Amino acid sequence: MRILSLLPSATETIYALGLEEELVGIGAASDYPPEVHAVPVMTAPRKRASAGAGPSAGGSAPAMAASPSSDDELETGELDIAGIKAAEPDVIFIGRATSETKLRDELAHLDPAPQIVSLDPSSIEGIFHAISTVGSMTETEDDAIDLIEELREDIAGIEQQVLVRQDQGLRPKRVVVLQGLEPLLASGRWIPEQVRRSGGWDLLGRETEEASPTTWEAIRDVDPEMLIFAPVGLSLLQTQAVWRKMERPEFWEDIDAVRRGQVFCVEPVYLNRPGPRVVDGLGMLAEIFDPDAFIDTSPPNSWTPLVED
């Protein structure tokens, strides 16, 4: 089978299922595991207008931080149609793409036409369903079932330890996770569920719904004891760089998380990408919420306290 993945989360699933030898193309955003860089790239980032001057609180967003659905390369990238045709894929994995019809039209003359499979989860269970779909479309159903069972067991282990700690009197942490800094976006889809299942309560997050615009005033009003920056499309280091240039709200020091020194930057991929590493995101959050009980449960170098200049 010849597989084309225009979805980084699907690419990670394909490798987890041992299908890398059948992968004939990827999108430019597919960056894990490292060996994926040897696979032909079939997209390029879509050209955008300049974001203008340096960022400020409530100002316009850098292009890579603006979209909460950047996992979908049909929405964020330009397709190499000639390369896709030459690769002759049997199946193409995409995300929630408004241009799916255009892709079908572009490839309609291929005989046989490739199957185009859309994966658009909104919850952790939906992510497992997406993994199952990849397995069923690539004749690796048993491997997908085994992978999902392993992920479920990992989550159950985290949840069990969270329950033990709660029985000992540790209450859930009151947090706000931001999926965007410019503009500010409160978390949505599976991220509030990750927070809940790892020992927290996302005060502005909306499970299964889109990431939603918010304000520093709204954050001040709920007054979280922890604040986590995980903007879509940025790395941990890029997030820190954006934050250094941002104008703080005048009441920044009044927010409980700031007073406590409980503001964190995380590697956003562990929260924003709906693939097998979503479980690593739970381990990362659990370690942030309760470092005494969760030791080395996060991927290396995946989070850091925010250090003010």
C-alpha atoms as a PDB file:
ATOM      1  CA  MET A   1       0.000   0.000   0.000  1.00  0.00           C
ATOM      2  CA  ARG A   2       1.156   3.530  -0.796  1.00  0.00           C
ATOM      3  CA  ILE A   3       0.283   6.028   1.923  1.00  0.00           C
ATOM      4  CA  LEU A   4       0.315   9.840   1.804  1.00  0.00           C
ATOM      5  CA  SER A   5      -0.133  11.720   5.069  1.00  0.00           C
ATOM      6  CA  LEU A   6      -1.055  15.402   5.009  1.00  0.00           C
ATOM      7  CA  LEU A   7      -1.654  15.320   8.750  1.00  0.00           C
ATOM      8  CA  PRO A   8       1.250  15.226  11.262  1.00  0.00           C
ATOM      9  CA  SER A   9      -0.788  13.246  13.793  1.00  0.00           C
ATOM     10  CA  ALA A  10      -1.587  10.627  11.152  1.00  0.00           C
ATOM     11  CA  THR A  11       2.098  10.485  10.231  1.00  0.00           C
ATOM     12  CA  GLU A  12       2.986   9.709  13.846  1.00  0.00           C
ATOM     13  CA  THR A  13       0.318   7.012  13.934  1.00  0.00           C
ATOM     14  CA  ILE A  14       1.631   5.487  10.709  1.00  0.00           C
ATOM     15  CA  TYR A  15       5.088   5.143  12.267  1.00  0.00           C
ATOM     16  CA  ALA A  16       3.627   3.789  15.506  1.00  0.00           C
ATOM     17  CA  LEU A  17       1.909   1.080  13.458  1.00  0.00           C
ATOM     18  CA  GLY A  18       5.149   0.153  11.658  1.00  0.00           C
ATOM     19  CA  LEU A  19       3.994   1.408   8.250  1.00  0.00           C
ATOM     20  CA  GLU A  20       6.898   3.738   7.502  1.00  0.00           C
ATOM     21  CA  GLU A  21       8.044   1.691   4.499  1.00  0.00           C
ATOM     22  CA  GLU A  22       4.674   2.315   2.854  1.00  0.00           C
ATOM     23  CA  LEU A  23       4.735   6.085   3.378  1.00  0.00           C
ATOM     24  CA  VAL A  24       5.309   7.781  -0.003  1.00  0.00           C
ATOM     25  CA  GLY A  25       4.777  11.386   1.047  1.00  0.00           C
ATOM     26  CA  ILE A  26       4.106  13.722   3.956  1.00  0.00           C
ATOM     27  CA  GLY A  27       3.210  17.333   4.615  1.00  0.00           C
ATOM     28  CA  ALA A  28       5.877  19.812   5.629  1.00  0.00           C
ATOM     29  CA  ALA A  29       4.649  19.946   9.228  1.00  0.00           C
ATOM     30  CA  SER A  30       5.283  16.233   9.834  1.00  0.00           C
ATOM     31  CA  ASP A  31       8.374  16.291  12.032  1.00  0.00           C
ATOM     32  CA  TYR A  32       8.177  13.172  14.203  1.00  0.00           C
ATOM     33  CA  PRO A  33       9.743  10.693  14.513  1.00  0.00           C
ATOM     34  CA  PRO A  34      13.075  12.126  13.269  1.00  0.00           C
ATOM     35  CA  GLU A  35      13.404   9.582  10.449  1.00  0.00           C
ATOM     36  CA  VAL A  36      10.331  11.103   8.813  1.00  0.00           C
ATOM     37  CA  HIS A  37      12.580  13.793   7.337  1.00  0.00           C
ATOM     38  CA  ALA A  38      13.721  11.277   4.711  1.00  0.00           C
ATOM     39  CA  VAL A  39      10.198  11.044   3.257  1.00  0.00           C
ATOM     40  CA  PRO A  40       9.274  13.272   0.260  1.00  0.00           C
ATOM     41  CA  VAL A  41       7.400  16.422   1.273  1.00  0.00           C
ATOM     42  CA  MET A  42       4.226  17.223  -0.647  1.00  0.00           C
ATOM     43  CA  THR A  43       3.317  20.626   0.814  1.00  0.00           C
ATOM     44  CA  ALA A  44       4.870  24.017   1.401  1.00  0.00           C
ATOM     45  CA  PRO A  45       3.726  26.627   3.940  1.00  0.00           C
ATOM     46  CA  ARG A  46       1.151  28.961   2.446  1.00  0.00           C
ATOM     47  CA  LYS A  47       2.502  32.466   1.950  1.00  0.00           C
ATOM     48  CA  ARG A  48       0.990  34.993   4.310  1.00  0.00           C
ATOM     49  CA  ALA A  49       1.172  38.725   4.679  1.00  0.00           C
ATOM     50  CA  SER A  50       3.677  40.055   7.178  1.00  0.00           C
ATOM     51  CA  ALA A  51       2.405  40.272  10.742  1.00  0.00           C
ATOM     52  CA  GLY A  52       3.864  43.762  10.935  1.00  0.00           C
ATOM     53  CA  ALA A  53       5.520  45.271  13.947  1.00  0.00           C
ATOM     54  CA  GLY A  54       6.394  43.416  17.111  1.00  0.00           C
ATOM     55  CA  PRO A  55       3.591  41.799  19.069  1.00  0.00           C
ATOM     56  CA  SER A  56       1.663  43.521  21.830  1.00  0.00           C
ATOM     57  CA  ALA A  57      -1.039  42.409  24.239  1.00  0.00           C
ATOM     58  CA  GLY A  58      -4.219  41.847  22.275  1.00  0.00           C
ATOM     59  CA  GLY A  59      -2.499  42.605  18.948  1.00  0.00           C
ATOM     60  CA  SER A  60      -2.301  40.619  15.749  1.00  0.00           C
ATOM     61  CA  ALA A  61      -0.846  37.133  15.864  1.00  0.00           C
ATOM     62  CA  PRO A  62       2.218  35.718  14.185  1.00  0.00           C
ATOM     63  CA  ALA A  63       0.979  33.587  11.283  1.00  0.00           C
ATOM     64  CA  MET A  64       2.120  30.313  12.796  1.00  0.00           C
ATOM     65  CA  ALA A  65       0.362  31.033  16.068  1.00  0.00           C
ATOM     66  CA  ALA A  66      -2.951  32.150  14.655  1.00  0.00           C
ATOM     67  CA  SER A  67      -4.714  28.953  13.678  1.00  0.00           C
ATOM     68  CA  PRO A  68      -5.930  26.371  16.203  1.00  0.00           C
ATOM     69  CA  SER A  69      -6.111  23.777  13.410  1.00  0.00           C
ATOM     70  CA  SER A  70      -2.554  23.936  12.051  1.00  0.00           C
ATOM     71  CA  ASP A  71      -2.347  20.124  12.182  1.00  0.00           C
ATOM     72  CA  ASP A  72      -4.348  20.190   8.928  1.00  0.00           C
ATOM     73  CA  GLU A  73      -2.017  20.915   6.038  1.00  0.00           C
ATOM     74  CA  LEU A  74      -4.768  21.308   3.477  1.00  0.00           C
ATOM     75  CA  GLU A  75      -5.717  24.437   5.418  1.00  0.00           C
ATOM     76  CA  THR A  76      -2.237  25.776   6.130  1.00  0.00           C
ATOM     77  CA  GLY A  77      -0.088  24.588   3.205  1.00  0.00           C
ATOM     78  CA  GLU A  78       0.160  24.681  -0.578  1.00  0.00           C
ATOM     79  CA  LEU A  79      -0.062  21.227  -2.168  1.00  0.00           C
ATOM     80  CA  ASP A  80       2.458  19.819  -4.612  1.00  0.00           C
ATOM     81  CA  ILE A  81      -0.173  18.286  -6.872  1.00  0.00           C
ATOM     82  CA  ALA A  82       2.399  17.079  -9.399  1.00  0.00           C
ATOM     83  CA  GLY A  83       4.356  15.329  -6.649  1.00  0.00           C
ATOM     84  CA  ILE A  84       1.221  13.747  -5.230  1.00  0.00           C
ATOM     85  CA  LYS A  85       0.218  12.445  -8.645  1.00  0.00           C
ATOM     86  CA  ALA A  86       3.697  11.018  -9.205  1.00  0.00           C
ATOM     87  CA  ALA A  87       3.615   9.277  -5.812  1.00  0.00           C
ATOM     88  CA  GLU A  88       0.409   7.457  -6.822  1.00  0.00           C
ATOM     89  CA  PRO A  89      -0.926   7.045  -3.271  1.00  0.00           C
ATOM     90  CA  ASP A  90      -3.595   4.478  -2.526  1.00  0.00           C
ATOM     91  CA  VAL A  91      -4.803   6.390   0.532  1.00  0.00           C
ATOM     92  CA  ILE A  92      -4.393  10.013   1.648  1.00  0.00           C
ATOM     93  CA  PHE A  93      -4.928  11.062   5.267  1.00  0.00           C
ATOM     94  CA  ILE A  94      -6.092  14.621   5.813  1.00  0.00           C
ATOM     95  CA  GLY A  95      -7.627  16.604   8.657  1.00  0.00           C
ATOM     96  CA  ARG A  96     -10.596  18.907   8.843  1.00  0.00           C
ATOM     97  CA  ALA A  97      -9.979  20.430   5.443  1.00  0.00           C
ATOM     98  CA  THR A  98     -12.229  22.887   3.656  1.00  0.00           C
ATOM     99  CA  SER A  99     -10.289  22.108   0.465  1.00  0.00           C
ATOM    100  CA  GLU A 100     -11.015  18.362   0.431  1.00  0.00           C
ATOM    101  CA  THR A 101     -13.272  18.768  -2.597  1.00  0.00           C
ATOM    102  CA  LYS A 102     -10.516  20.605  -4.458  1.00  0.00           C
ATOM    103  CA  LEU A 103      -8.075  17.796  -3.667  1.00  0.00           C
ATOM    104  CA  ARG A 104     -10.531  15.214  -4.967  1.00  0.00           C
ATOM    105  CA  ASP A 105     -11.010  17.218  -8.149  1.00  0.00           C
ATOM    106  CA  GLU A 106      -7.253  17.564  -8.679  1.00  0.00           C
ATOM    107  CA  LEU A 107      -6.740  13.812  -8.358  1.00  0.00           C
ATOM    108  CA  ALA A 108      -9.929  12.652 -10.048  1.00  0.00           C
ATOM    109  CA  HIS A 109      -8.149  11.453 -13.193  1.00  0.00           C
ATOM    110  CA  LEU A 110      -5.974   8.975 -11.296  1.00  0.00           C
ATOM    111  CA  ASP A 111      -7.027   5.391 -11.916  1.00  0.00           C
ATOM    112  CA  PRO A 112      -7.717   4.098  -9.401  1.00  0.00           C
ATOM    113  CA  ALA A 113      -8.379   7.337  -7.494  1.00  0.00           C
ATOM    114  CA  PRO A 114      -6.835   7.342  -4.001  1.00  0.00           C
ATOM    115  CA  GLN A 115      -9.075   7.043  -0.989  1.00  0.00           C
ATOM    116  CA  ILE A 116      -9.131  10.316   0.945  1.00  0.00           C
ATOM    117  CA  VAL A 117      -9.693   9.842   4.667  1.00  0.00           C
ATOM    118  CA  SER A 118     -10.482  12.780   6.946  1.00  0.00           C
ATOM    119  CA  LEU A 119      -9.476  12.541  10.610  1.00  0.00           C
ATOM    120  CA  ASP A 120     -10.911  15.231  12.870  1.00  0.00           C
ATOM    121  CA  PRO A 121     -11.032  14.179  16.545  1.00  0.00           C
ATOM    122  CA  SER A 122     -12.331  16.464  19.269  1.00  0.00           C
ATOM    123  CA  SER A 123     -11.630  14.272  22.316  1.00  0.00           C
ATOM    124  CA  ILE A 124      -9.150  11.682  23.515  1.00  0.00           C
ATOM    125  CA  GLU A 125     -11.622   8.958  22.605  1.00  0.00           C
ATOM    126  CA  GLY A 126     -11.860  10.575  19.169  1.00  0.00           C
ATOM    127  CA  ILE A 127      -8.078  10.407  18.867  1.00  0.00           C
ATOM    128  CA  PHE A 128      -8.234   6.683  19.589  1.00  0.00           C
ATOM    129  CA  HIS A 129     -10.917   6.351  16.923  1.00  0.00           C
ATOM    130  CA  ALA A 130      -8.626   8.152  14.454  1.00  0.00           C
ATOM    131  CA  ILE A 131      -5.844   5.682  15.241  1.00  0.00           C
ATOM    132  CA  SER A 132      -8.295   2.844  14.686  1.00  0.00           C
ATOM    133  CA  THR A 133      -9.317   4.371  11.356  1.00  0.00           C
ATOM    134  CA  VAL A 134      -5.701   4.550  10.201  1.00  0.00           C
ATOM    135  CA  GLY A 135      -5.342   0.895  11.150  1.00  0.00           C
ATOM    136  CA  SER A 136      -8.473  -0.187   9.306  1.00  0.00           C
ATOM    137  CA  MET A 137      -7.520   1.748   6.165  1.00  0.00           C
ATOM    138  CA  THR A 138      -4.006   0.265   6.103  1.00  0.00           C
ATOM    139  CA  GLU A 139      -4.856  -3.333   7.042  1.00  0.00           C
ATOM    140  CA  THR A 140      -3.181  -3.039  10.447  1.00  0.00           C
ATOM    141  CA  GLU A 141      -6.300  -3.263  12.596  1.00  0.00           C
ATOM    142  CA  ASP A 142      -4.720  -5.598  15.169  1.00  0.00           C
ATOM    143  CA  ASP A 143      -1.686  -3.350  15.599  1.00  0.00           C
ATOM    144  CA  ALA A 144      -3.965  -0.329  16.026  1.00  0.00           C
ATOM    145  CA  ILE A 145      -5.985  -2.149  18.696  1.00  0.00           C
ATOM    146  CA  ASP A 146      -2.768  -3.031  20.536  1.00  0.00           C
ATOM    147  CA  LEU A 147      -1.536   0.567  20.331  1.00  0.00           C
ATOM    148  CA  ILE A 148      -4.821   1.950  21.626  1.00  0.00           C
ATOM    149  CA  GLU A 149      -4.840  -0.534  24.498  1.00  0.00           C
ATOM    150  CA  GLU A 150      -1.311   0.512  25.447  1.00  0.00           C
ATOM    151  CA  LEU A 151      -2.296   4.192  25.388  1.00  0.00           C
ATOM    152  CA  ARG A 152      -5.377   3.473  27.507  1.00  0.00           C
ATOM    153  CA  GLU A 153      -3.247   1.669  30.072  1.00  0.00           C
ATOM    154  CA  ASP A 154      -0.824   4.586  30.245  1.00  0.00           C
ATOM    155  CA  ILE A 155      -3.680   7.032  30.832  1.00  0.00           C
ATOM    156  CA  ALA A 156      -5.230   4.753  33.453  1.00  0.00           C
ATOM    157  CA  GLY A 157      -1.927   4.677  35.329  1.00  0.00           C
ATOM    158  CA  ILE A 158      -1.819   8.476  35.435  1.00  0.00           C
ATOM    159  CA  GLU A 159      -5.453   8.751  36.478  1.00  0.00           C
ATOM    160  CA  GLN A 160      -5.014   6.189  39.247  1.00  0.00           C
ATOM    161  CA  GLN A 161      -2.118   8.135  40.729  1.00  0.00           C
ATOM    162  CA  VAL A 162      -4.154  11.356  40.475  1.00  0.00           C
ATOM    163  CA  LEU A 163      -6.972   9.691  42.422  1.00  0.00           C
ATOM    164  CA  VAL A 164      -4.540   8.497  45.090  1.00  0.00           C
ATOM    165  CA  ARG A 165      -3.260  12.035  45.520  1.00  0.00           C
ATOM    166  CA  GLN A 166      -6.774  13.448  45.685  1.00  0.00           C
ATOM    167  CA  ASP A 167      -7.662  10.902  48.365  1.00  0.00           C
ATOM    168  CA  GLN A 168      -4.645  12.262  50.244  1.00  0.00           C
ATOM    169  CA  GLY A 169      -6.181  15.730  50.102  1.00  0.00           C
ATOM    170  CA  LEU A 170      -4.570  17.249  47.002  1.00  0.00           C
ATOM    171  CA  ARG A 171      -7.249  19.200  45.142  1.00  0.00           C
ATOM    172  CA  PRO A 172      -7.231  19.682  41.355  1.00  0.00           C
ATOM    173  CA  LYS A 173      -5.091  22.596  40.220  1.00  0.00           C
ATOM    174  CA  ARG A 174      -7.008  25.610  38.896  1.00  0.00           C
ATOM    175  CA  VAL A 175      -5.324  26.390  35.582  1.00  0.00           C
ATOM    176  CA  VAL A 176      -5.704  28.251  32.325  1.00  0.00           C
ATOM    177  CA  VAL A 177      -4.107  26.768  29.214  1.00  0.00           C
ATOM    178  CA  LEU A 178      -3.589  29.178  26.333  1.00  0.00           C
ATOM    179  CA  GLN A 179      -3.476  27.750  22.801  1.00  0.00           C
ATOM    180  CA  GLY A 180      -2.683  31.180  21.398  1.00  0.00           C
ATOM    181  CA  LEU A 181      -0.869  34.223  22.700  1.00  0.00           C
ATOM    182  CA  GLU A 182      -1.625  36.693  19.928  1.00  0.00           C
ATOM    183  CA  PRO A 183      -4.544  36.623  19.865  1.00  0.00           C
ATOM    184  CA  LEU A 184      -5.205  34.952  23.198  1.00  0.00           C
ATOM    185  CA  LEU A 185      -6.987  31.608  22.786  1.00  0.00           C
ATOM    186  CA  ALA A 186      -8.359  29.513  25.635  1.00  0.00           C
ATOM    187  CA  SER A 187      -7.996  25.785  25.117  1.00  0.00           C
ATOM    188  CA  GLY A 188     -10.535  23.528  23.456  1.00  0.00           C
ATOM    189  CA  ARG A 189     -11.174  20.066  22.045  1.00  0.00           C
ATOM    190  CA  TRP A 190      -9.205  17.393  23.952  1.00  0.00           C
ATOM    191  CA  ILE A 191      -6.882  19.720  25.917  1.00  0.00           C
ATOM    192  CA  PRO A 192      -9.298  20.464  28.811  1.00  0.00           C
ATOM    193  CA  GLU A 193      -9.771  16.691  29.035  1.00  0.00           C
ATOM    194  CA  GLN A 194      -6.009  16.199  29.229  1.00  0.00           C
ATOM    195  CA  VAL A 195      -5.922  18.755  32.032  1.00  0.00           C
ATOM    196  CA  ARG A 196      -8.784  17.113  33.916  1.00  0.00           C
ATOM    197  CA  ARG A 197      -7.448  13.590  33.646  1.00  0.00           C
ATOM    198  CA  SER A 198      -3.970  14.630  34.794  1.00  0.00           C
ATOM    199  CA  GLY A 199      -5.089  16.432  37.944  1.00  0.00           C
ATOM    200  CA  GLY A 200      -6.205  19.917  36.913  1.00  0.00           C
ATOM    201  CA  TRP A 201      -9.225  22.029  36.084  1.00  0.00           C
ATOM    202  CA  ASP A 202      -9.022  24.262  33.022  1.00  0.00           C
ATOM    203  CA  LEU A 203     -11.080  27.264  34.065  1.00  0.00           C
ATOM    204  CA  LEU A 204     -11.624  28.651  30.553  1.00  0.00           C
ATOM    205  CA  GLY A 205     -11.259  25.489  28.467  1.00  0.00           C
ATOM    206  CA  ARG A 206     -14.177  23.915  26.626  1.00  0.00           C
ATOM    207  CA  GLU A 207     -14.011  20.159  26.074  1.00  0.00           C
ATOM    208  CA  THR A 208     -14.744  19.014  22.494  1.00  0.00           C
ATOM    209  CA  GLU A 209     -15.234  22.632  21.336  1.00  0.00           C
ATOM    210  CA  GLU A 210     -12.895  24.878  19.379  1.00  0.00           C
ATOM    211  CA  ALA A 211     -10.204  26.934  21.069  1.00  0.00           C
ATOM    212  CA  SER A 212     -11.940  30.217  21.838  1.00  0.00           C
ATOM    213  CA  PRO A 213     -10.819  33.857  22.024  1.00  0.00           C
ATOM    214  CA  THR A 214     -10.234  35.176  25.515  1.00  0.00           C
ATOM    215  CA  THR A 215      -8.743  38.234  27.202  1.00  0.00           C
ATOM    216  CA  TRP A 216      -6.345  39.002  30.002  1.00  0.00           C
ATOM    217  CA  GLU A 217      -9.337  40.435  31.853  1.00  0.00           C
ATOM    218  CA  ALA A 218     -11.116  37.076  31.648  1.00  0.00           C
ATOM    219  CA  ILE A 219      -7.990  35.346  32.913  1.00  0.00           C
ATOM    220  CA  ARG A 220      -7.738  37.837  35.773  1.00  0.00           C
ATOM    221  CA  ASP A 221     -11.384  37.224  36.663  1.00  0.00           C
ATOM    222  CA  VAL A 222     -10.981  33.438  37.024  1.00  0.00           C
ATOM    223  CA  ASP A 223      -7.568  34.015  38.713  1.00  0.00           C
ATOM    224  CA  PRO A 224      -5.848  30.654  37.979  1.00  0.00           C
ATOM    225  CA  GLU A 225      -3.182  29.328  40.288  1.00  0.00           C
ATOM    226  CA  MET A 226      -1.321  28.006  37.223  1.00  0.00           C
ATOM    227  CA  LEU A 227      -0.992  29.496  33.751  1.00  0.00           C
ATOM    228  CA  ILE A 228       0.286  27.357  30.868  1.00  0.00           C
ATOM    229  CA  PHE A 229       1.373  28.681  27.472  1.00  0.00           C
ATOM    230  CA  ALA A 230       0.958  26.133  24.653  1.00  0.00           C
ATOM    231  CA  PRO A 231       0.342  28.134  21.455  1.00  0.00           C
ATOM    232  CA  VAL A 232      -0.416  26.157  18.312  1.00  0.00           C
ATOM    233  CA  GLY A 233       2.350  26.201  15.718  1.00  0.00           C
ATOM    234  CA  LEU A 234       5.153  27.310  18.038  1.00  0.00           C
ATOM    235  CA  SER A 235       7.859  25.376  19.821  1.00  0.00           C
ATOM    236  CA  LEU A 236       8.667  25.900  23.472  1.00  0.00           C
ATOM    237  CA  LEU A 237      11.588  28.172  22.568  1.00  0.00           C
ATOM    238  CA  GLN A 238       9.482  30.146  20.087  1.00  0.00           C
ATOM    239  CA  THR A 239       6.789  30.565  22.721  1.00  0.00           C
ATOM    240  CA  GLN A 240       9.330  32.040  25.111  1.00  0.00           C
ATOM    241  CA  ALA A 241      10.564  34.408  22.392  1.00  0.00           C
ATOM    242  CA  VAL A 242       7.032  35.614  21.600  1.00  0.00           C
ATOM    243  CA  TRP A 243       6.291  36.133  25.278  1.00  0.00           C
ATOM    244  CA  ARG A 244       9.411  38.260  25.797  1.00  0.00           C
ATOM    245  CA  LYS A 245       8.148  40.700  23.150  1.00  0.00           C
ATOM    246  CA  MET A 246       4.566  40.831  24.370  1.00  0.00           C
ATOM    247  CA  GLU A 247       3.266  43.680  26.439  1.00  0.00           C
ATOM    248  CA  ARG A 248       2.085  42.436  29.835  1.00  0.00           C
ATOM    249  CA  PRO A 249      -1.324  43.586  31.017  1.00  0.00           C
ATOM    250  CA  GLU A 250      -1.017  46.220  33.725  1.00  0.00           C
ATOM    251  CA  PHE A 251      -2.471  43.792  36.272  1.00  0.00           C
ATOM    252  CA  TRP A 252      -0.092  40.939  35.339  1.00  0.00           C
ATOM    253  CA  GLU A 253       1.465  40.794  38.801  1.00  0.00           C
ATOM    254  CA  ASP A 254      -1.989  40.549  40.390  1.00  0.00           C
ATOM    255  CA  ILE A 255      -2.804  37.189  38.767  1.00  0.00           C
ATOM    256  CA  ASP A 256      -2.477  34.388  41.330  1.00  0.00           C
ATOM    257  CA  ALA A 257      -0.356  32.190  39.041  1.00  0.00           C
ATOM    258  CA  VAL A 258       2.123  35.028  38.566  1.00  0.00           C
ATOM    259  CA  ARG A 259       2.332  35.760  42.280  1.00  0.00           C
ATOM    260  CA  ARG A 260       2.990  32.069  42.915  1.00  0.00           C
ATOM    261  CA  GLY A 261       5.618  31.783  40.167  1.00  0.00           C
ATOM    262  CA  GLN A 262       3.416  29.141  38.517  1.00  0.00           C
ATOM    263  CA  VAL A 263       3.546  30.240  34.875  1.00  0.00           C
ATOM    264  CA  PHE A 264       4.866  27.615  32.453  1.00  0.00           C
ATOM    265  CA  CYS A 265       5.805  27.262  28.802  1.00  0.00           C
ATOM    266  CA  VAL A 266       5.324  23.778  27.373  1.00  0.00           C
ATOM    267  CA  GLU A 267       6.195  22.060  24.121  1.00  0.00           C
ATOM    268  CA  PRO A 268       2.774  22.561  22.501  1.00  0.00           C
ATOM    269  CA  VAL A 269       2.922  19.479  20.280  1.00  0.00           C
ATOM    270  CA  TYR A 270       2.118  17.275  23.294  1.00  0.00           C
ATOM    271  CA  LEU A 271      -1.191  19.080  23.717  1.00  0.00           C
ATOM    272  CA  ASN A 272      -2.110  20.299  20.248  1.00  0.00           C
ATOM    273  CA  ARG A 273      -1.367  17.263  18.062  1.00  0.00           C
ATOM    274  CA  PRO A 274      -4.059  14.544  18.168  1.00  0.00           C
ATOM    275  CA  GLY A 275      -1.866  11.480  17.828  1.00  0.00           C
ATOM    276  CA  PRO A 276      -0.262   8.848  20.061  1.00  0.00           C
ATOM    277  CA  ARG A 277       1.804  11.431  21.941  1.00  0.00           C
ATOM    278  CA  VAL A 278      -1.357  12.922  23.446  1.00  0.00           C
ATOM    279  CA  VAL A 279      -0.641  10.547  26.350  1.00  0.00           C
ATOM    280  CA  ASP A 280       2.781  12.153  26.787  1.00  0.00           C
ATOM    281  CA  GLY A 281       0.857  15.399  27.197  1.00  0.00           C
ATOM    282  CA  LEU A 282      -1.016  13.941  30.165  1.00  0.00           C
ATOM    283  CA  GLY A 283       2.265  12.867  31.743  1.00  0.00           C
ATOM    284  CA  MET A 284       3.707  16.336  31.159  1.00  0.00           C
ATOM    285  CA  LEU A 285       0.733  18.076  32.757  1.00  0.00           C
ATOM    286  CA  ALA A 286       0.660  15.660  35.692  1.00  0.00           C
ATOM    287  CA  GLU A 287       4.313  16.414  36.394  1.00  0.00           C
ATOM    288  CA  ILE A 288       3.639  20.165  36.283  1.00  0.00           C
ATOM    289  CA  PHE A 289       0.580  19.877  38.549  1.00  0.00           C
ATOM    290  CA  ASP A 290       2.110  17.508  41.106  1.00  0.00           C
ATOM    291  CA  PRO A 291       5.900  17.140  40.777  1.00  0.00           C
ATOM    292  CA  ASP A 292       6.146  15.292  44.086  1.00  0.00           C
ATOM    293  CA  ALA A 293       4.038  12.377  42.826  1.00  0.00           C
ATOM    294  CA  PHE A 294       4.874  12.439  39.112  1.00  0.00           C
ATOM    295  CA  ILE A 295       8.592  12.231  38.512  1.00  0.00           C
ATOM    296  CA  ASP A 296       9.984  11.964  34.974  1.00  0.00           C
ATOM    297  CA  THR A 297       6.539  11.324  33.511  1.00  0.00           C
ATOM    298  CA  SER A 298       6.984  14.074  30.921  1.00  0.00           C
ATOM    299  CA  PRO A 299       9.098  13.887  27.765  1.00  0.00           C
ATOM    300  CA  PRO A 300      12.577  15.392  28.194  1.00  0.00           C
ATOM    301  CA  ASN A 301      12.763  19.185  27.897  1.00  0.00           C
ATOM    302  CA  SER A 302       9.024  19.454  27.297  1.00  0.00           C
ATOM    303  CA  TRP A 303       8.216  22.214  29.796  1.00  0.00           C
ATOM    304  CA  THR A 304       9.835  24.954  31.812  1.00  0.00           C
ATOM    305  CA  PRO A 305       8.753  27.632  34.279  1.00  0.00           C
ATOM    306  CA  LEU A 306       8.477  31.033  32.655  1.00  0.00           C
ATOM    307  CA  VAL A 307      11.371  33.199  33.798  1.00  0.00           C
ATOM    308  CA  GLU A 308      10.689  36.912  33.597  1.00  0.00           C
ATOM    309  CA  ASP A 309      13.449  39.115  32.179  1.00  0.00           C
END
